[in-house]
C-alpha cells in the first residue's frame, strides 16, 4: 500500500456504486487517499466529489463534459488527467494506485479493467462487462485472477462462503430477487412501463442494471461472472429465486451440507470488503435483525421461464465474441426501452436476433471485443430505426 494510506482511483465515480465508494473513502481519510476520479459526462456531480478529495485528479469520457467542468471551476483544469482512455491511463500511472474501483457501466469498463490489471493494480470490480465480454482477455493477464475483488453482492458472498472451503465445494448457488415484475403474468409483461420496470423491490441500482434485473438477464451475466471468477463449470452453477434479497449466495459442499451468506441489501458491504481487504471493519449502516429472517422465501428457478437468462447462457456456451454481442444488443435495446422507443419484451427479441446473426470468433483482444460490440450495434441500427436516437 502507498505509505499508511491506500491510494484509490474510482472509475464511474458518479454512478450509484461509485458514489458509495466515494462515501466510504471520505468517511475514513486516515485509511484512504483518493488520487483519481473518472466519470462519463456528469460534470456537476464530479465537481462536488472533487471538492471532497483535494489531491484527486479527474477524467471524463465526454470531451464536452470536460470543458463544462473546467468552466464550472477554472482551478480544476490543473487537476485534469485528460479525456477518455488517455485520462484513464494517466490516472493509473501517476501515482500508481493501490486499488482501482471499476464501477463504470457497460462495455466502456472493459479496457480500464484490462489496463489496471496489466499495470499490476488490484481491481474492485463492479463492471460486469469486463468478465462477461472480456473474460478471455483477463484470463491471459498473468496473476489477474488473484487481483480481482468482486463487488457484486452475489460473488462477494460466494467468496465468503468458500473461504476455507473451496476444495470441498461442489456447486455454487446465486440468488435472484425475481426483479420488480416477479409474479406478473407472461402476457402482461409486454405492457410493462419504464416506471414499473425501474421500481425494484429490494435494490436501488442504476437504470440499466435494474432493467436487466427485471428481465433476469442480469442473473445470466452474474452466472458468467461466477464461472470466470471461481472456475466452476456452468453445470455446477445454480440460481434460486429469493425475493427478500437477504441471502446472496450458497455453496453446496461434497458432504451434502450447504453454507449461505446473509447480509443487508446494501452494496456498501461488498464495497467495504474490497476496499479494506483483507481486513473488514464494522459495518456502520446496520445489520440484519432476526425479525427480517423470519419470512425468507426460496423458489425454484424454472428452466425456460426466463428467456433473457437462457440467451445469456447460450452466449456463454458459444463463447468467444458471443457474450460481447449479447451485451451490446442488450445495451442498445435497454437504451431504446428507457427512451420509450420499444416495448419491454422487444429487448429480448433484439438480443436473440443479434445472437442468431452472429458467428462467434476469438475474443482475446480488446479490439476484437470492441469490433463485436460495434457489429451488434450496427446490425440493430440497420434493421431497427428505434435503435438510434431520433
Protein backbone atom coordinates (compact mmCIF):
# COMPACT_ATOMS: atom_id res chain seq x y z
CA UNK A 1 0.00 0.00 0.00
CA UNK A 2 1.04 3.62 -0.51
CA UNK A 3 2.56 4.65 2.84
CA UNK A 4 -0.02 4.49 5.62
CA UNK A 5 -2.97 5.14 3.33
CA UNK A 6 -4.47 3.21 0.45
CA UNK A 7 -4.32 5.19 -2.80
CA UNK A 8 -7.60 4.71 -4.66
CA UNK A 9 -8.84 5.55 -8.14
CA UNK A 10 -12.59 5.31 -8.74
CA UNK A 11 -13.81 4.74 -12.29
CA UNK A 12 -17.51 5.53 -12.65
CA UNK A 13 -17.43 7.71 -9.54
CA UNK A 14 -20.74 9.49 -10.23
CA UNK A 15 -22.86 6.32 -10.52
CA UNK A 16 -24.57 4.63 -7.58
CA UNK A 17 -21.67 2.29 -6.75
CA UNK A 18 -19.03 4.94 -7.42
CA UNK A 19 -20.79 7.37 -5.08
CA UNK A 20 -20.94 4.69 -2.39
CA UNK A 21 -17.20 4.04 -2.78
CA UNK A 22 -16.50 7.77 -2.51
CA UNK A 23 -18.67 7.93 0.61
CA UNK A 24 -16.70 5.12 2.26
CA UNK A 25 -13.36 6.71 1.34
CA UNK A 26 -14.41 10.16 2.56
CA UNK A 27 -15.51 8.70 5.91
CA UNK A 28 -12.02 7.29 6.60
CA UNK A 29 -9.42 9.80 5.35
CA UNK A 30 -6.80 8.25 7.59
CA UNK A 31 -7.08 4.99 5.63
CA UNK A 32 -7.85 6.15 2.07
CA UNK A 33 -6.37 8.72 -0.28
CA UNK A 34 -8.45 9.15 -3.44
CA UNK A 35 -5.97 10.08 -6.17
CA UNK A 36 -8.28 9.83 -9.19
CA UNK A 37 -11.94 10.10 -10.16
CA UNK A 38 -13.33 9.19 -13.56
CA UNK A 39 -16.87 9.58 -14.90
CA UNK A 40 -18.76 9.63 -18.15
CA UNK A 41 -20.34 13.04 -18.54
CA UNK A 42 -21.75 14.13 -15.16
CA UNK A 43 -19.63 17.25 -14.65
CA UNK A 44 -21.74 18.67 -11.81
CA UNK A 45 -21.52 15.54 -9.64
CA UNK A 46 -17.82 15.11 -10.36
CA UNK A 47 -17.13 18.71 -9.33
CA UNK A 48 -18.83 18.08 -5.98
CA UNK A 49 -16.78 14.93 -5.43
CA UNK A 50 -13.52 16.67 -6.28
CA UNK A 51 -14.16 19.19 -3.52
CA UNK A 52 -14.04 16.28 -1.03
CA UNK A 53 -10.75 14.91 -2.41
CA UNK A 54 -8.37 17.84 -2.91
CA UNK A 55 -5.47 15.81 -4.34
CA UNK A 56 -7.56 13.78 -6.77
CA UNK A 57 -7.06 14.22 -10.49
CA UNK A 58 -10.02 13.65 -12.78
CA UNK A 59 -11.05 12.40 -16.18
CA UNK A 60 -14.30 12.43 -18.13
CA UNK A 61 -15.14 10.23 -21.09
CA UNK A 62 -17.03 13.05 -22.81
CA UNK A 63 -14.93 15.98 -24.03
CA UNK A 64 -17.85 18.42 -23.92
CA UNK A 65 -18.49 17.49 -20.30
CA UNK A 66 -14.79 18.01 -19.53
CA UNK A 67 -14.98 21.55 -20.90
CA UNK A 68 -18.15 22.10 -18.86
CA UNK A 69 -16.36 21.03 -15.68
CA UNK A 70 -13.46 23.38 -16.35
CA UNK A 71 -15.99 26.15 -16.97
CA UNK A 72 -17.65 25.48 -13.62
CA UNK A 73 -14.33 25.72 -11.79
CA UNK A 74 -11.28 27.03 -13.61
CA UNK A 75 -8.99 25.72 -10.90
CA UNK A 76 -9.91 22.16 -11.77
CA UNK A 77 -8.23 22.42 -15.18
CA UNK A 78 -4.87 21.94 -13.45
CA UNK A 79 -6.10 18.66 -11.97
CA UNK A 80 -7.31 17.18 -15.26
CA UNK A 81 -5.70 13.88 -16.27
CA UNK A 82 -7.15 14.05 -19.79
CA UNK A 83 -10.21 12.79 -21.62
CA UNK A 84 -11.27 9.22 -22.40
CA UNK A 85 -8.74 6.39 -22.27
CA UNK A 86 -5.84 8.86 -22.22
CA UNK A 87 -7.17 10.23 -18.96
CA UNK A 88 -7.73 6.76 -17.52
CA UNK A 89 -4.17 5.73 -18.44
CA UNK A 90 -2.83 8.84 -16.70
CA UNK A 91 -4.83 8.11 -13.54
CA UNK A 92 -3.32 4.61 -13.47
CA UNK A 93 0.23 5.90 -13.90
CA UNK A 94 0.70 8.98 -11.73
CA UNK A 95 0.66 7.90 -8.99
CA UNK A 96 0.10 4.17 -9.42
CA UNK A 97 -2.96 3.36 -7.25
CA UNK A 98 -3.05 0.64 -4.62
CA UNK A 99 -6.65 -0.15 -5.61
CA UNK A 100 -8.81 0.60 -8.63
CA UNK A 101 -12.58 0.56 -8.15
CA UNK A 102 -14.24 -0.02 -11.52
CA UNK A 103 -17.89 0.97 -11.29
CA UNK A 104 -18.26 2.02 -14.93
CA UNK A 105 -21.41 0.85 -16.67
CA UNK A 106 -21.27 -1.16 -19.87
CA UNK A 107 -18.54 -2.13 -22.29
CA UNK A 108 -16.77 1.16 -21.52
CA UNK A 109 -15.48 -0.54 -18.37
CA UNK A 110 -13.57 -3.32 -20.14
CA UNK A 111 -10.41 -1.53 -21.25
CA UNK A 112 -9.93 0.26 -17.89
CA UNK A 113 -10.10 -3.14 -16.14
CA UNK A 114 -7.57 -4.64 -18.55
CA UNK A 115 -5.18 -1.70 -18.22
CA UNK A 116 -5.39 -1.70 -14.44
CA UNK A 117 -4.72 -5.44 -14.23
CA UNK A 118 -1.86 -5.20 -16.72
CA UNK A 119 -0.36 -2.46 -14.53
CA UNK A 120 -0.48 -4.85 -11.57
CA UNK A 121 -3.24 -2.99 -9.71
CA UNK A 122 -5.85 -4.86 -7.67
CA UNK A 123 -9.33 -4.13 -9.05
CA UNK A 124 -12.53 -3.97 -7.01
CA UNK A 125 -14.75 -4.97 -9.90
CA UNK A 126 -18.35 -3.84 -10.20
CA UNK A 127 -18.30 -3.73 -14.01
CA UNK A 128 -19.92 -6.97 -15.22
CA UNK A 129 -18.92 -6.48 -18.82
CA UNK A 130 -15.23 -6.82 -18.01
CA UNK A 131 -15.66 -10.52 -17.26
CA UNK A 132 -18.72 -11.19 -19.44
CA UNK A 133 -17.28 -9.80 -22.68
CA UNK A 134 -13.59 -9.74 -21.80
CA UNK A 135 -13.10 -12.88 -19.74
CA UNK A 136 -10.79 -14.45 -22.32
CA UNK A 137 -8.60 -11.34 -22.27
CA UNK A 138 -8.38 -11.18 -18.50
CA UNK A 139 -7.53 -14.87 -18.19
CA UNK A 140 -4.41 -14.21 -20.27
CA UNK A 141 -3.09 -11.47 -17.92
CA UNK A 142 -0.57 -13.06 -15.52
CA UNK A 143 -1.86 -13.05 -11.96
CA UNK A 144 -5.06 -11.21 -12.86
CA UNK A 145 -7.42 -13.63 -11.13
CA UNK A 146 -5.74 -13.03 -7.80
CA UNK A 147 -6.08 -9.26 -8.14
CA UNK A 148 -9.84 -9.11 -8.81
CA UNK A 149 -12.00 -8.35 -5.77
CA UNK A 150 -15.68 -8.92 -6.68
CA UNK A 151 -18.08 -6.17 -5.68
CA UNK A 152 -21.29 -7.84 -6.87
CA UNK A 153 -23.15 -8.93 -3.74
CA UNK A 154 -23.53 -12.50 -5.04
CA UNK A 155 -19.88 -13.03 -5.86
CA UNK A 156 -18.72 -11.35 -2.68
CA UNK A 157 -21.00 -13.74 -0.77
CA UNK A 158 -19.81 -16.81 -2.66
CA UNK A 159 -16.21 -15.89 -1.94
CA UNK A 160 -17.09 -15.54 1.76
CA UNK A 161 -18.82 -18.93 1.78
CA UNK A 162 -15.89 -20.66 0.08
CA UNK A 163 -13.23 -19.13 2.32
CA UNK A 164 -11.60 -22.20 3.82
CA UNK A 165 -13.99 -24.50 1.97
CA UNK A 166 -13.01 -24.13 -1.69
CA UNK A 167 -11.76 -27.70 -2.00
CA UNK A 168 -14.98 -29.07 -0.51
CA UNK A 169 -17.36 -27.03 -2.68
CA UNK A 170 -19.17 -28.96 -5.41
CA UNK A 171 -21.78 -26.42 -6.52
CA UNK A 172 -22.38 -22.72 -6.11
CA UNK A 173 -25.80 -21.06 -5.99
CA UNK A 174 -26.63 -17.44 -6.81
CA UNK A 175 -29.86 -15.91 -5.56
CA UNK A 176 -32.15 -13.71 -7.65
CA UNK A 177 -34.86 -11.45 -6.26
CA UNK A 178 -37.04 -12.03 -9.31
CA UNK A 179 -37.00 -8.31 -10.01
CA UNK A 180 -39.86 -5.79 -10.00
CA UNK A 181 -42.08 -7.85 -12.32
CA UNK A 182 -41.98 -11.12 -10.38
CA UNK A 183 -45.42 -12.73 -10.39
CA UNK A 184 -46.71 -10.78 -13.38
CA UNK A 185 -48.49 -12.90 -15.98
CA UNK A 186 -46.31 -13.53 -19.08
CA UNK A 187 -48.92 -11.95 -21.36
CA UNK A 188 -48.82 -8.79 -19.22
CA UNK A 189 -45.05 -8.27 -19.43
CA UNK A 190 -45.18 -6.72 -22.90
CA UNK A 191 -47.15 -3.81 -21.43
CA UNK A 192 -44.73 -3.15 -18.56
CA UNK A 193 -43.90 0.55 -18.35
CA UNK A 194 -40.47 2.05 -17.74
CA UNK A 195 -41.58 3.20 -14.27
CA UNK A 196 -42.76 -0.30 -13.36
CA UNK A 197 -39.56 -1.92 -14.57
CA UNK A 198 -37.39 0.53 -12.63
CA UNK A 199 -39.30 0.02 -9.37
CA UNK A 200 -37.08 -2.71 -7.92
CA UNK A 201 -38.43 -4.06 -4.62
CA UNK A 202 -35.14 -4.58 -2.76
CA UNK A 203 -32.20 -2.91 -4.52
CA UNK A 204 -31.53 0.67 -5.62
CA UNK A 205 -29.33 0.37 -8.69
CA UNK A 206 -28.61 2.15 -11.93
CA UNK A 207 -31.33 2.18 -14.58
CA UNK A 208 -29.67 -0.24 -17.00
CA UNK A 209 -28.90 -2.81 -14.30
CA UNK A 210 -32.45 -2.55 -12.97
CA UNK A 211 -33.91 -3.30 -16.41
CA UNK A 212 -31.58 -6.28 -16.75
CA UNK A 213 -32.75 -7.46 -13.33
CA UNK A 214 -36.39 -7.29 -14.41
CA UNK A 215 -35.52 -9.49 -17.40
CA UNK A 216 -33.41 -11.85 -15.25
CA UNK A 217 -30.71 -11.20 -17.86
CA UNK A 218 -28.62 -9.75 -15.07
CA UNK A 219 -28.56 -13.14 -13.38
CA UNK A 220 -27.25 -14.72 -16.56
CA UNK A 221 -24.42 -12.19 -16.63
CA UNK A 222 -23.68 -12.97 -12.99
CA UNK A 223 -23.50 -16.69 -13.75
CA UNK A 224 -20.89 -15.91 -16.43
CA UNK A 225 -19.00 -13.79 -13.89
CA UNK A 226 -19.12 -16.61 -11.32
CA UNK A 227 -17.75 -19.03 -13.90
CA UNK A 228 -14.87 -16.66 -14.66
CA UNK A 229 -14.14 -15.75 -11.04
CA UNK A 230 -14.33 -19.16 -9.41
CA UNK A 231 -13.66 -21.60 -12.25
CA UNK A 232 -16.82 -23.68 -11.81
CA UNK A 233 -18.36 -25.14 -14.98
CA UNK A 234 -21.78 -23.78 -15.88
CA UNK A 235 -23.29 -27.14 -14.98
CA UNK A 236 -22.17 -26.60 -11.36
CA UNK A 237 -23.71 -23.11 -11.02
CA UNK A 238 -27.36 -22.84 -9.94
CA UNK A 239 -29.81 -19.98 -9.43
CA UNK A 240 -32.67 -19.77 -6.94
CA UNK A 241 -35.37 -17.10 -6.60
CA UNK A 242 -35.19 -15.35 -3.23
CA UNK A 243 -37.47 -12.27 -3.14
CA UNK A 244 -36.11 -10.77 0.10
CA UNK A 245 -32.53 -10.36 -1.21
CA UNK A 246 -31.01 -11.14 2.20
CA UNK A 247 -29.30 -14.43 1.28
CA UNK A 248 -26.91 -13.57 -1.53
CA UNK A 249 -25.23 -16.89 -2.20
CA UNK A 250 -24.95 -20.54 -1.19
CA UNK A 251 -22.34 -23.18 -1.68
CA UNK A 252 -23.05 -26.91 -1.56
CA UNK A 253 -20.27 -28.99 -0.05
CA UNK A 254 -19.46 -32.54 -1.05
CA UNK A 255 -20.82 -33.86 2.27
CA UNK A 256 -24.27 -32.63 1.21
CA UNK A 257 -24.39 -29.64 3.56
CA UNK A 258 -24.74 -26.03 2.44
CA UNK A 259 -23.25 -22.74 3.56
CA UNK A 260 -25.08 -19.45 3.00
CA UNK A 261 -24.08 -15.82 3.34
CA UNK A 262 -26.72 -13.39 4.59
CA UNK A 263 -26.44 -9.62 4.63
CA UNK A 264 -28.38 -6.41 4.06
CA UNK A 265 -29.28 -5.46 0.51
CA UNK A 266 -26.62 -2.76 0.55
CA UNK A 267 -23.77 -2.54 -1.96
CA UNK A 268 -21.64 -0.76 0.62
CA UNK A 269 -21.00 -4.11 2.29
CA UNK A 270 -19.13 -5.76 -0.64
CA UNK A 271 -17.50 -2.40 -1.39
CA UNK A 272 -16.11 -2.14 2.14
CA UNK A 273 -14.87 -5.71 1.91
CA UNK A 274 -12.93 -4.88 -1.26
CA UNK A 275 -11.65 -1.51 -0.08
CA UNK A 276 -10.40 -2.76 3.31
CA UNK A 277 -9.24 -6.16 2.02
CA UNK A 278 -8.02 -8.35 3.66
CA UNK A 279 -9.50 -6.71 6.77
CA UNK A 280 -13.17 -5.99 7.42
CA UNK A 281 -14.18 -3.15 9.75
CA UNK A 282 -17.52 -2.76 11.47
CA UNK A 283 -20.33 -2.03 9.02
CA UNK A 284 -21.82 1.27 10.23
CA UNK A 285 -25.15 1.16 8.40
CA UNK A 286 -26.93 -1.52 10.39
CA UNK A 287 -27.09 -5.31 10.36
CA UNK A 288 -29.84 -7.84 9.82
CA UNK A 289 -32.37 -8.47 12.54
CA UNK A 290 -33.88 -11.82 13.42
CA UNK A 291 -37.28 -10.38 12.53
CA UNK A 292 -36.08 -9.91 8.95
CA UNK A 293 -35.06 -13.56 8.79
CA UNK A 294 -38.47 -14.85 9.88
CA UNK A 295 -40.03 -14.90 6.41
CA UNK A 296 -37.32 -15.91 3.96
CA UNK A 297 -38.64 -17.48 0.75
CA UNK A 298 -36.90 -19.58 -1.87
CA UNK A 299 -38.46 -20.66 -5.15
CA UNK A 300 -37.03 -22.84 -7.91
CA UNK A 301 -35.58 -21.16 -10.96
CA UNK A 302 -37.69 -22.83 -13.64
CA UNK A 303 -35.76 -23.54 -16.89
CA UNK A 304 -37.33 -21.84 -19.89
CA UNK A 305 -39.33 -19.35 -17.84
CA UNK A 306 -36.79 -16.56 -18.31
CA UNK A 307 -35.82 -16.29 -21.99
CA UNK A 308 -33.29 -13.49 -21.48
CA UNK A 309 -31.43 -15.64 -18.96
CA UNK A 310 -31.43 -18.54 -21.44
CA UNK A 311 -29.99 -16.25 -24.13
CA UNK A 312 -27.19 -15.26 -21.77
CA UNK A 313 -26.40 -18.92 -21.13
CA UNK A 314 -26.44 -19.68 -24.86
CA UNK A 315 -23.94 -16.86 -25.45
CA UNK A 316 -21.79 -18.09 -22.57
CA UNK A 317 -21.59 -21.59 -24.02
CA UNK A 318 -20.89 -20.26 -27.53
CA UNK A 319 -18.00 -18.29 -26.05
CA UNK A 320 -15.64 -16.07 -27.98
CA UNK A 321 -17.31 -12.85 -29.09
CA UNK A 322 -20.87 -14.09 -28.44
CA UNK A 323 -21.06 -12.59 -24.91
CA UNK A 324 -19.87 -9.24 -26.30
CA UNK A 325 -22.69 -9.34 -28.87
CA UNK A 326 -25.16 -10.28 -26.13
CA UNK A 327 -24.04 -7.30 -24.09
CA UNK A 328 -24.06 -4.84 -26.99
CA UNK A 329 -27.55 -5.89 -28.10
CA UNK A 330 -28.77 -5.60 -24.53
CA UNK A 331 -27.27 -2.12 -24.05
CA UNK A 332 -28.78 -0.96 -27.35
CA UNK A 333 -32.21 -2.39 -26.61
CA UNK A 334 -32.33 -1.22 -22.99
CA UNK A 335 -31.44 2.32 -24.07
CA UNK A 336 -34.28 2.23 -26.62
CA UNK A 337 -36.71 0.90 -23.99
CA UNK A 338 -35.77 3.53 -21.43
CA UNK A 339 -36.29 6.20 -24.10
CA UNK A 340 -39.78 4.85 -24.80
CA UNK A 341 -38.98 3.72 -28.34
CA UNK A 342 -39.64 -0.03 -27.85
CA UNK A 343 -41.58 -2.27 -25.51
CA UNK A 344 -40.09 -4.26 -22.66
CA UNK A 345 -40.12 -7.69 -24.33
CA UNK A 346 -38.64 -6.29 -27.54
CA UNK A 347 -35.35 -6.19 -25.63
CA UNK A 348 -35.33 -10.00 -25.68
CA UNK A 349 -36.21 -10.07 -29.38
CA UNK A 350 -33.29 -7.83 -30.30
CA UNK A 351 -30.79 -9.81 -28.23
CA UNK A 352 -31.94 -13.06 -29.82
CA UNK A 353 -31.81 -11.51 -33.28
CA UNK A 354 -28.22 -10.32 -32.84
CA UNK A 355 -27.02 -13.64 -31.42
CA UNK A 356 -28.63 -15.63 -34.23
CA UNK A 357 -26.94 -13.46 -36.86
CA UNK A 358 -23.50 -13.64 -35.24
CA UNK A 359 -20.71 -16.11 -35.90
CA UNK A 360 -18.63 -16.17 -32.73
CA UNK A 361 -14.90 -15.53 -33.11
CA UNK A 362 -11.97 -15.40 -30.72
CA UNK A 363 -12.20 -12.61 -28.14
CA UNK A 364 -8.65 -12.47 -26.85
CA UNK A 365 -8.01 -8.76 -27.52
CA UNK A 366 -9.85 -5.60 -26.53
CA UNK A 367 -10.03 -4.71 -30.22
CA UNK A 368 -11.83 -7.97 -31.05
CA UNK A 369 -14.39 -7.40 -28.31
CA UNK A 370 -14.99 -3.81 -29.40
CA UNK A 371 -15.35 -4.95 -33.01
CA UNK A 372 -18.05 -7.45 -32.00
CA UNK A 373 -19.72 -4.74 -29.93
CA UNK A 374 -19.80 -2.35 -32.91
CA UNK A 375 -21.06 -5.11 -35.21
CA UNK A 376 -24.06 -5.82 -32.98
CA UNK A 377 -24.97 -2.16 -32.59
CA UNK A 378 -24.69 -1.53 -36.32
CA UNK A 379 -26.76 -4.63 -37.09
CA UNK A 380 -29.62 -3.48 -34.87
CA UNK A 381 -29.38 0.12 -36.04
CA UNK A 382 -29.60 -1.04 -39.65
CA UNK A 383 -32.63 -3.23 -39.00
CA UNK A 384 -34.50 -1.12 -36.47
CA UNK A 385 -34.80 2.68 -36.69
CA UNK A 386 -35.81 2.69 -33.00
CA UNK A 387 -32.29 1.55 -32.09
CA UNK A 388 -30.88 5.05 -32.59
CA UNK A 389 -31.93 8.34 -31.07
CA UNK A 390 -34.16 10.31 -33.50
